[in-house]
Amino acid sequence: MCFLLYNVLSFYRLFQTYDFDSDGRISIYDLKMALEVQHGRTYDVDNTRGEDYSLLVKWIRQRDTTNTGYVNYDDFVKHYTTPSSRGVL
């Protein structure tokens, strides 16, 4: 029971790291901000033909099971708990 609770809290904390504006979903701009803080570099998402934009959109699409353009908490957990779809942030 404690192990399960620990995993749920860990996923939630990790999700909050990427939900930069705390609205309950990860947008491309949330992801941009979170990665800039983590990696100390700027990501250009205004250039929709650029490599940064493509990379972040791909990250969102791989996790967005409802095709909303956002990753909600359920999408996030599903992605990282399904063996065939695990990925690196």
PDB file of N, CA and C in Angstrom:
ATOM      1  N   MET A   1       0.816  -1.199   0.000  1.00  0.00           N
ATOM      2  CA  MET A   1       0.000   0.000   0.000  1.00  0.00           C
ATOM      3  C   MET A   1       0.858   1.262   0.000  1.00  0.00           C
ATOM      4  N   CYS A   2       1.876   1.289   0.848  1.00  0.00           N
ATOM      5  CA  CYS A   2       2.748   2.462   0.914  1.00  0.00           C
ATOM      6  C   CYS A   2       3.506   2.651  -0.400  1.00  0.00           C
ATOM      7  N   PHE A   3       3.935   1.528  -1.014  1.00  0.00           N
ATOM      8  CA  PHE A   3       4.649   1.604  -2.281  1.00  0.00           C
ATOM      9  C   PHE A   3       3.766   2.230  -3.362  1.00  0.00           C
ATOM     10  N   LEU A   4       2.505   1.809  -3.412  1.00  0.00           N
ATOM     11  CA  LEU A   4       1.562   2.351  -4.388  1.00  0.00           C
ATOM     12  C   LEU A   4       1.338   3.840  -4.159  1.00  0.00           C
ATOM     13  N   LEU A   5       1.145   4.239  -2.924  1.00  0.00           N
ATOM     14  CA  LEU A   5       0.954   5.652  -2.596  1.00  0.00           C
ATOM     15  C   LEU A   5       2.184   6.459  -2.984  1.00  0.00           C
ATOM     16  N   TYR A   6       3.355   5.912  -2.728  1.00  0.00           N
ATOM     17  CA  TYR A   6       4.598   6.591  -3.102  1.00  0.00           C
ATOM     18  C   TYR A   6       4.650   6.804  -4.617  1.00  0.00           C
ATOM     19  N   ASN A   7       4.292   5.776  -5.386  1.00  0.00           N
ATOM     20  CA  ASN A   7       4.301   5.906  -6.847  1.00  0.00           C
ATOM     21  C   ASN A   7       3.314   6.953  -7.333  1.00  0.00           C
ATOM     22  N   VAL A   8       2.118   6.971  -6.760  1.00  0.00           N
ATOM     23  CA  VAL A   8       1.104   7.956  -7.153  1.00  0.00           C
ATOM     24  C   VAL A   8       1.604   9.365  -6.855  1.00  0.00           C
ATOM     25  N   LEU A   9       2.174   9.563  -5.677  1.00  0.00           N
ATOM     26  CA  LEU A   9       2.695  10.892  -5.318  1.00  0.00           C
ATOM     27  C   LEU A   9       3.874  11.288  -6.205  1.00  0.00           C
ATOM     28  N   SER A  10       4.710  10.316  -6.543  1.00  0.00           N
ATOM     29  CA  SER A  10       5.854  10.600  -7.419  1.00  0.00           C
ATOM     30  C   SER A  10       5.388  11.031  -8.804  1.00  0.00           C
ATOM     31  N   PHE A  11       4.407  10.320  -9.355  1.00  0.00           N
ATOM     32  CA  PHE A  11       3.866  10.698 -10.663  1.00  0.00           C
ATOM     33  C   PHE A  11       3.239  12.083 -10.600  1.00  0.00           C
ATOM     34  N   TYR A  12       2.492  12.341  -9.531  1.00  0.00           N
ATOM     35  CA  TYR A  12       1.824  13.636  -9.429  1.00  0.00           C
ATOM     36  C   TYR A  12       2.835  14.768  -9.336  1.00  0.00           C
ATOM     37  N   ARG A  13       3.882  14.580  -8.549  1.00  0.00           N
ATOM     38  CA  ARG A  13       4.923  15.616  -8.431  1.00  0.00           C
ATOM     39  C   ARG A  13       5.634  15.833  -9.761  1.00  0.00           C
ATOM     40  N   LEU A  14       5.909  14.738 -10.455  1.00  0.00           N
ATOM     41  CA  LEU A  14       6.553  14.860 -11.758  1.00  0.00           C
ATOM     42  C   LEU A  14       5.643  15.591 -12.745  1.00  0.00           C
ATOM     43  N   PHE A  15       4.359  15.233 -12.734  1.00  0.00           N
ATOM     44  CA  PHE A  15       3.399  15.917 -13.597  1.00  0.00           C
ATOM     45  C   PHE A  15       3.373  17.411 -13.289  1.00  0.00           C
ATOM     46  N   GLN A  16       3.364  17.772 -12.018  1.00  0.00           N
ATOM     47  CA  GLN A  16       3.335  19.183 -11.629  1.00  0.00           C
ATOM     48  C   GLN A  16       4.565  19.943 -12.123  1.00  0.00           C
ATOM     49  N   THR A  17       5.678  19.248 -12.228  1.00  0.00           N
ATOM     50  CA  THR A  17       6.901  19.868 -12.746  1.00  0.00           C
ATOM     51  C   THR A  17       6.705  20.367 -14.165  1.00  0.00           C
ATOM     52  N   TYR A  18       5.925  19.616 -14.943  1.00  0.00           N
ATOM     53  CA  TYR A  18       5.692  19.967 -16.346  1.00  0.00           C
ATOM     54  C   TYR A  18       4.441  20.815 -16.550  1.00  0.00           C
ATOM     55  N   ASP A  19       3.521  20.769 -15.612  1.00  0.00           N
ATOM     56  CA  ASP A  19       2.321  21.608 -15.678  1.00  0.00           C
ATOM     57  C   ASP A  19       2.687  22.963 -15.097  1.00  0.00           C
ATOM     58  N   PHE A  20       3.445  23.718 -15.854  1.00  0.00           N
ATOM     59  CA  PHE A  20       4.087  24.941 -15.371  1.00  0.00           C
ATOM     60  C   PHE A  20       3.098  25.977 -14.853  1.00  0.00           C
ATOM     61  N   ASP A  21       1.929  26.096 -15.471  1.00  0.00           N
ATOM     62  CA  ASP A  21       0.946  27.092 -15.031  1.00  0.00           C
ATOM     63  C   ASP A  21      -0.104  26.502 -14.086  1.00  0.00           C
ATOM     64  N   SER A  22       0.068  25.240 -13.701  1.00  0.00           N
ATOM     65  CA  SER A  22      -0.795  24.563 -12.707  1.00  0.00           C
ATOM     66  C   SER A  22      -2.270  24.544 -13.082  1.00  0.00           C
ATOM     67  N   ASP A  23      -2.570  24.375 -14.380  1.00  0.00           N
ATOM     68  CA  ASP A  23      -3.977  24.318 -14.783  1.00  0.00           C
ATOM     69  C   ASP A  23      -4.490  22.888 -14.969  1.00  0.00           C
ATOM     70  N   GLY A  24      -3.671  21.900 -14.612  1.00  0.00           N
ATOM     71  CA  GLY A  24      -4.110  20.513 -14.678  1.00  0.00           C
ATOM     72  C   GLY A  24      -3.834  19.826 -16.005  1.00  0.00           C
ATOM     73  N   ARG A  25      -3.101  20.495 -16.869  1.00  0.00           N
ATOM     74  CA  ARG A  25      -2.752  19.902 -18.155  1.00  0.00           C
ATOM     75  C   ARG A  25      -1.434  20.511 -18.636  1.00  0.00           C
ATOM     76  N   ILE A  26      -0.725  19.750 -19.446  1.00  0.00           N
ATOM     77  CA  ILE A  26       0.568  20.201 -19.954  1.00  0.00           C
ATOM     78  C   ILE A  26       0.373  20.648 -21.399  1.00  0.00           C
ATOM     79  N   SER A  27       0.629  21.909 -21.632  1.00  0.00           N
ATOM     80  CA  SER A  27       0.569  22.464 -22.986  1.00  0.00           C
ATOM     81  C   SER A  27       1.990  22.552 -23.532  1.00  0.00           C
ATOM     82  N   ILE A  28       2.107  22.908 -24.783  1.00  0.00           N
ATOM     83  CA  ILE A  28       3.439  23.080 -25.365  1.00  0.00           C
ATOM     84  C   ILE A  28       4.204  24.192 -24.642  1.00  0.00           C
ATOM     85  N   TYR A  29       3.500  25.210 -24.184  1.00  0.00           N
ATOM     86  CA  TYR A  29       4.169  26.313 -23.471  1.00  0.00           C
ATOM     87  C   TYR A  29       4.581  25.893 -22.064  1.00  0.00           C
ATOM     88  N   ASP A  30       3.772  25.052 -21.399  1.00  0.00           N
ATOM     89  CA  ASP A  30       4.177  24.498 -20.100  1.00  0.00           C
ATOM     90  C   ASP A  30       5.456  23.687 -20.263  1.00  0.00           C
ATOM     91  N   LEU A  31       5.445  22.829 -21.271  1.00  0.00           N
ATOM     92  CA  LEU A  31       6.598  21.966 -21.527  1.00  0.00           C
ATOM     93  C   LEU A  31       7.832  22.806 -21.840  1.00  0.00           C
ATOM     94  N   LYS A  32       7.654  23.824 -22.645  1.00  0.00           N
ATOM     95  CA  LYS A  32       8.749  24.738 -22.993  1.00  0.00           C
ATOM     96  C   LYS A  32       9.353  25.349 -21.737  1.00  0.00           C
ATOM     97  N   MET A  33       8.515  25.883 -20.868  1.00  0.00           N
ATOM     98  CA  MET A  33       8.992  26.536 -19.653  1.00  0.00           C
ATOM     99  C   MET A  33       9.693  25.542 -18.717  1.00  0.00           C
ATOM    100  N   ALA A  34       9.082  24.372 -18.533  1.00  0.00           N
ATOM    101  CA  ALA A  34       9.661  23.369 -17.643  1.00  0.00           C
ATOM    102  C   ALA A  34      11.029  22.910 -18.151  1.00  0.00           C
ATOM    103  N   LEU A  35      11.130  22.670 -19.441  1.00  0.00           N
ATOM    104  CA  LEU A  35      12.401  22.219 -20.002  1.00  0.00           C
ATOM    105  C   LEU A  35      13.459  23.313 -19.961  1.00  0.00           C
ATOM    106  N   GLU A  36      13.041  24.558 -20.141  1.00  0.00           N
ATOM    107  CA  GLU A  36      14.006  25.660 -20.047  1.00  0.00           C
ATOM    108  C   GLU A  36      14.585  25.750 -18.642  1.00  0.00           C
ATOM    109  N   VAL A  37      13.746  25.558 -17.645  1.00  0.00           N
ATOM    110  CA  VAL A  37      14.223  25.570 -16.258  1.00  0.00           C
ATOM    111  C   VAL A  37      15.164  24.391 -16.017  1.00  0.00           C
ATOM    112  N   GLN A  38      14.771  23.210 -16.484  1.00  0.00           N
ATOM    113  CA  GLN A  38      15.577  22.011 -16.259  1.00  0.00           C
ATOM    114  C   GLN A  38      16.897  22.006 -17.020  1.00  0.00           C
ATOM    115  N   HIS A  39      16.873  22.452 -18.264  1.00  0.00           N
ATOM    116  CA  HIS A  39      18.044  22.327 -19.123  1.00  0.00           C
ATOM    117  C   HIS A  39      18.831  23.617 -19.295  1.00  0.00           C
ATOM    118  N   GLY A  40      18.270  24.723 -18.822  1.00  0.00           N
ATOM    119  CA  GLY A  40      18.986  25.986 -18.898  1.00  0.00           C
ATOM    120  C   GLY A  40      19.223  26.492 -20.310  1.00  0.00           C
ATOM    121  N   ARG A  41      18.316  26.149 -21.202  1.00  0.00           N
ATOM    122  CA  ARG A  41      18.414  26.652 -22.575  1.00  0.00           C
ATOM    123  C   ARG A  41      17.039  27.066 -23.057  1.00  0.00           C
ATOM    124  N   THR A  42      17.002  27.904 -24.074  1.00  0.00           N
ATOM    125  CA  THR A  42      15.748  28.409 -24.608  1.00  0.00           C
ATOM    126  C   THR A  42      15.230  27.472 -25.695  1.00  0.00           C
ATOM    127  N   TYR A  43      13.919  27.224 -25.671  1.00  0.00           N
ATOM    128  CA  TYR A  43      13.245  26.436 -26.704  1.00  0.00           C
ATOM    129  C   TYR A  43      12.352  27.374 -27.503  1.00  0.00           C
ATOM    130  N   ASP A  44      12.527  27.388 -28.810  1.00  0.00           N
ATOM    131  CA  ASP A  44      11.767  28.272 -29.685  1.00  0.00           C
ATOM    132  C   ASP A  44      10.514  27.549 -30.175  1.00  0.00           C
ATOM    133  N   VAL A  45       9.363  27.895 -29.600  1.00  0.00           N
ATOM    134  CA  VAL A  45       8.112  27.273 -30.047  1.00  0.00           C
ATOM    135  C   VAL A  45       7.278  28.231 -30.893  1.00  0.00           C
ATOM    136  N   ASP A  46       7.784  29.432 -31.105  1.00  0.00           N
ATOM    137  CA  ASP A  46       7.074  30.378 -31.956  1.00  0.00           C
ATOM    138  C   ASP A  46       7.295  30.073 -33.437  1.00  0.00           C
ATOM    139  N   ASN A  47       8.414  29.461 -33.746  1.00  0.00           N
ATOM    140  CA  ASN A  47       8.712  29.051 -35.120  1.00  0.00           C
ATOM    141  C   ASN A  47       8.147  27.646 -35.318  1.00  0.00           C
ATOM    142  N   THR A  48       6.960  27.556 -35.893  1.00  0.00           N
ATOM    143  CA  THR A  48       6.276  26.267 -36.016  1.00  0.00           C
ATOM    144  C   THR A  48       6.953  25.311 -36.988  1.00  0.00           C
ATOM    145  N   ARG A  49       7.957  25.772 -37.691  1.00  0.00           N
ATOM    146  CA  ARG A  49       8.711  24.894 -38.594  1.00  0.00           C
ATOM    147  C   ARG A  49      10.062  24.511 -38.005  1.00  0.00           C
ATOM    148  N   GLY A  50      10.323  24.987 -36.801  1.00  0.00           N
ATOM    149  CA  GLY A  50      11.620  24.740 -36.188  1.00  0.00           C
ATOM    150  C   GLY A  50      11.717  23.390 -35.486  1.00  0.00           C
ATOM    151  N   GLU A  51      12.945  23.011 -35.212  1.00  0.00           N
ATOM    152  CA  GLU A  51      13.225  21.723 -34.572  1.00  0.00           C
ATOM    153  C   GLU A  51      12.663  21.665 -33.143  1.00  0.00           C
ATOM    154  N   ASP A  52      12.790  22.752 -32.381  1.00  0.00           N
ATOM    155  CA  ASP A  52      12.281  22.768 -31.009  1.00  0.00           C
ATOM    156  C   ASP A  52      10.770  22.550 -30.987  1.00  0.00           C
ATOM    157  N   TYR A  53      10.063  23.261 -31.849  1.00  0.00           N
ATOM    158  CA  TYR A  53       8.604  23.134 -31.911  1.00  0.00           C
ATOM    159  C   TYR A  53       8.224  21.691 -32.240  1.00  0.00           C
ATOM    160  N   SER A  54       8.871  21.114 -33.239  1.00  0.00           N
ATOM    161  CA  SER A  54       8.572  19.735 -33.647  1.00  0.00           C
ATOM    162  C   SER A  54       8.814  18.751 -32.515  1.00  0.00           C
ATOM    163  N   LEU A  55       9.904  18.932 -31.802  1.00  0.00           N
ATOM    164  CA  LEU A  55      10.244  18.044 -30.690  1.00  0.00           C
ATOM    165  C   LEU A  55       9.184  18.103 -29.587  1.00  0.00           C
ATOM    166  N   LEU A  56       8.772  19.304 -29.224  1.00  0.00           N
ATOM    167  CA  LEU A  56       7.798  19.456 -28.134  1.00  0.00           C
ATOM    168  C   LEU A  56       6.407  18.997 -28.560  1.00  0.00           C
ATOM    169  N   VAL A  57       6.028  19.263 -29.788  1.00  0.00           N
ATOM    170  CA  VAL A  57       4.738  18.781 -30.292  1.00  0.00           C
ATOM    171  C   VAL A  57       4.721  17.252 -30.308  1.00  0.00           C
ATOM    172  N   LYS A  58       5.817  16.664 -30.701  1.00  0.00           N
ATOM    173  CA  LYS A  58       5.914  15.192 -30.700  1.00  0.00           C
ATOM    174  C   LYS A  58       5.733  14.648 -29.288  1.00  0.00           C
ATOM    175  N   TRP A  59       6.369  15.285 -28.304  1.00  0.00           N
ATOM    176  CA  TRP A  59       6.240  14.870 -26.903  1.00  0.00           C
ATOM    177  C   TRP A  59       4.773  14.911 -26.484  1.00  0.00           C
ATOM    178  N   ILE A  60       4.083  15.989 -26.819  1.00  0.00           N
ATOM    179  CA  ILE A  60       2.663  16.136 -26.473  1.00  0.00           C
ATOM    180  C   ILE A  60       1.837  15.057 -27.183  1.00  0.00           C
ATOM    181  N   ARG A  61       2.031  14.901 -28.461  1.00  0.00           N
ATOM    182  CA  ARG A  61       1.225  13.940 -29.239  1.00  0.00           C
ATOM    183  C   ARG A  61       1.408  12.507 -28.770  1.00  0.00           C
ATOM    184  N   GLN A  62       2.614  12.151 -28.351  1.00  0.00           N
ATOM    185  CA  GLN A  62       2.866  10.793 -27.875  1.00  0.00           C
ATOM    186  C   GLN A  62       2.084  10.481 -26.599  1.00  0.00           C
ATOM    187  N   ARG A  63       1.705  11.491 -25.867  1.00  0.00           N
ATOM    188  CA  ARG A  63       1.059  11.290 -24.579  1.00  0.00           C
ATOM    189  C   ARG A  63      -0.419  11.679 -24.560  1.00  0.00           C
ATOM    190  N   ASP A  64      -0.840  12.481 -25.501  1.00  0.00           N
ATOM    191  CA  ASP A  64      -2.209  13.006 -25.552  1.00  0.00           C
ATOM    192  C   ASP A  64      -3.166  11.961 -26.144  1.00  0.00           C
ATOM    193  N   THR A  65      -3.824  11.206 -25.273  1.00  0.00           N
ATOM    194  CA  THR A  65      -4.711  10.126 -25.742  1.00  0.00           C
ATOM    195  C   THR A  65      -6.082  10.622 -26.171  1.00  0.00           C
ATOM    196  N   THR A  66      -6.412  11.868 -25.839  1.00  0.00           N
ATOM    197  CA  THR A  66      -7.741  12.402 -26.162  1.00  0.00           C
ATOM    198  C   THR A  66      -7.702  13.406 -27.317  1.00  0.00           C
ATOM    199  N   ASN A  67      -6.530  13.580 -27.894  1.00  0.00           N
ATOM    200  CA  ASN A  67      -6.342  14.502 -29.031  1.00  0.00           C
ATOM    201  C   ASN A  67      -6.821  15.921 -28.748  1.00  0.00           C
ATOM    202  N   THR A  68      -6.490  16.424 -27.573  1.00  0.00           N
ATOM    203  CA  THR A  68      -6.859  17.783 -27.196  1.00  0.00           C
ATOM    204  C   THR A  68      -5.732  18.782 -27.433  1.00  0.00           C
ATOM    205  N   GLY A  69      -4.538  18.261 -27.669  1.00  0.00           N
ATOM    206  CA  GLY A  69      -3.379  19.135 -27.784  1.00  0.00           C
ATOM    207  C   GLY A  69      -2.717  19.394 -26.452  1.00  0.00           C
ATOM    208  N   TYR A  70      -3.210  18.739 -25.421  1.00  0.00           N
ATOM    209  CA  TYR A  70      -2.674  18.864 -24.064  1.00  0.00           C
ATOM    210  C   TYR A  70      -2.480  17.470 -23.487  1.00  0.00           C
ATOM    211  N   VAL A  71      -1.633  17.379 -22.486  1.00  0.00           N
ATOM    212  CA  VAL A  71      -1.452  16.132 -21.757  1.00  0.00           C
ATOM    213  C   VAL A  71      -2.029  16.332 -20.367  1.00  0.00           C
ATOM    214  N   ASN A  72      -3.104  15.590 -20.059  1.00  0.00           N
ATOM    215  CA  ASN A  72      -3.652  15.671 -18.703  1.00  0.00           C
ATOM    216  C   ASN A  72      -2.964  14.622 -17.827  1.00  0.00           C
ATOM    217  N   TYR A  73      -3.285  14.608 -16.563  1.00  0.00           N
ATOM    218  CA  TYR A  73      -2.618  13.704 -15.625  1.00  0.00           C
ATOM    219  C   TYR A  73      -2.830  12.245 -16.004  1.00  0.00           C
ATOM    220  N   ASP A  74      -4.039  11.872 -16.401  1.00  0.00           N
ATOM    221  CA  ASP A  74      -4.305  10.485 -16.797  1.00  0.00           C
ATOM    222  C   ASP A  74      -3.462  10.078 -18.001  1.00  0.00           C
ATOM    223  N   ASP A  75      -3.359  10.961 -18.996  1.00  0.00           N
ATOM    224  CA  ASP A  75      -2.516  10.700 -20.160  1.00  0.00           C
ATOM    225  C   ASP A  75      -1.065  10.460 -19.724  1.00  0.00           C
ATOM    226  N   PHE A  76      -0.604  11.315 -18.851  1.00  0.00           N
ATOM    227  CA  PHE A  76       0.777  11.276 -18.376  1.00  0.00           C
ATOM    228  C   PHE A  76       1.075   9.945 -17.683  1.00  0.00           C
ATOM    229  N   VAL A  77       0.194   9.550 -16.769  1.00  0.00           N
ATOM    230  CA  VAL A  77       0.388   8.300 -16.025  1.00  0.00           C
ATOM    231  C   VAL A  77       0.303   7.102 -16.971  1.00  0.00           C
ATOM    232  N   LYS A  78      -0.682   7.103 -17.856  1.00  0.00           N
ATOM    233  CA  LYS A  78      -0.822   6.000 -18.821  1.00  0.00           C
ATOM    234  C   LYS A  78       0.455   5.820 -19.629  1.00  0.00           C
ATOM    235  N   HIS A  79       1.001   6.918 -20.087  1.00  0.00           N
ATOM    236  CA  HIS A  79       2.192   6.838 -20.925  1.00  0.00           C
ATOM    237  C   HIS A  79       3.352   6.171 -20.184  1.00  0.00           C
ATOM    238  N   TYR A  80       3.544   6.533 -18.939  1.00  0.00           N
ATOM    239  CA  TYR A  80       4.700   6.031 -18.204  1.00  0.00           C
ATOM    240  C   TYR A  80       4.446   4.717 -17.462  1.00  0.00           C
ATOM    241  N   THR A  81       3.231   4.222 -17.499  1.00  0.00           N
ATOM    242  CA  THR A  81       2.962   2.938 -16.859  1.00  0.00           C
ATOM    243  C   THR A  81       2.621   1.838 -17.870  1.00  0.00           C
ATOM    244  N   THR A  82       2.561   2.186 -19.136  1.00  0.00           N
ATOM    245  CA  THR A  82       2.340   1.209 -20.191  1.00  0.00           C
ATOM    246  C   THR A  82       3.695   0.825 -20.764  1.00  0.00           C
ATOM    247  N   PRO A  83       4.118  -0.433 -20.587  1.00  0.00           N
ATOM    248  CA  PRO A  83       5.467  -0.817 -21.003  1.00  0.00           C
ATOM    249  C   PRO A  83       5.829  -0.486 -22.443  1.00  0.00           C
ATOM    250  N   SER A  84       4.894  -0.598 -23.362  1.00  0.00           N
ATOM    251  CA  SER A  84       5.217  -0.358 -24.768  1.00  0.00           C
ATOM    252  C   SER A  84       5.354   1.118 -25.123  1.00  0.00           C
ATOM    253  N   SER A  85       4.957   2.012 -24.233  1.00  0.00           N
ATOM    254  CA  SER A  85       4.999   3.428 -24.594  1.00  0.00           C
ATOM    255  C   SER A  85       5.882   4.258 -23.669  1.00  0.00           C
ATOM    256  N   ARG A  86       6.647   3.632 -22.818  1.00  0.00           N
ATOM    257  CA  ARG A  86       7.503   4.399 -21.915  1.00  0.00           C
ATOM    258  C   ARG A  86       8.510   5.207 -22.706  1.00  0.00           C
ATOM    259  N   GLY A  87       8.766   6.387 -22.204  1.00  0.00           N
ATOM    260  CA  GLY A  87       9.711   7.255 -22.891  1.00  0.00           C
ATOM    261  C   GLY A  87      10.459   8.120 -21.914  1.00  0.00           C
ATOM    262  N   VAL A  88      11.367   8.836 -22.414  1.00  0.00           N
ATOM    263  CA  VAL A  88      12.171   9.739 -21.609  1.00  0.00           C
ATOM    264  C   VAL A  88      11.580  11.125 -21.735  1.00  0.00           C
ATOM    265  N   LEU A  89      11.569  11.842 -20.627  1.00  0.00           N
ATOM    266  CA  LEU A  89      11.069  13.215 -20.662  1.00  0.00           C
ATOM    267  C   LEU A  89      12.059  14.115 -21.335  1.00  0.00           C
TER     268      LEU A  89
END
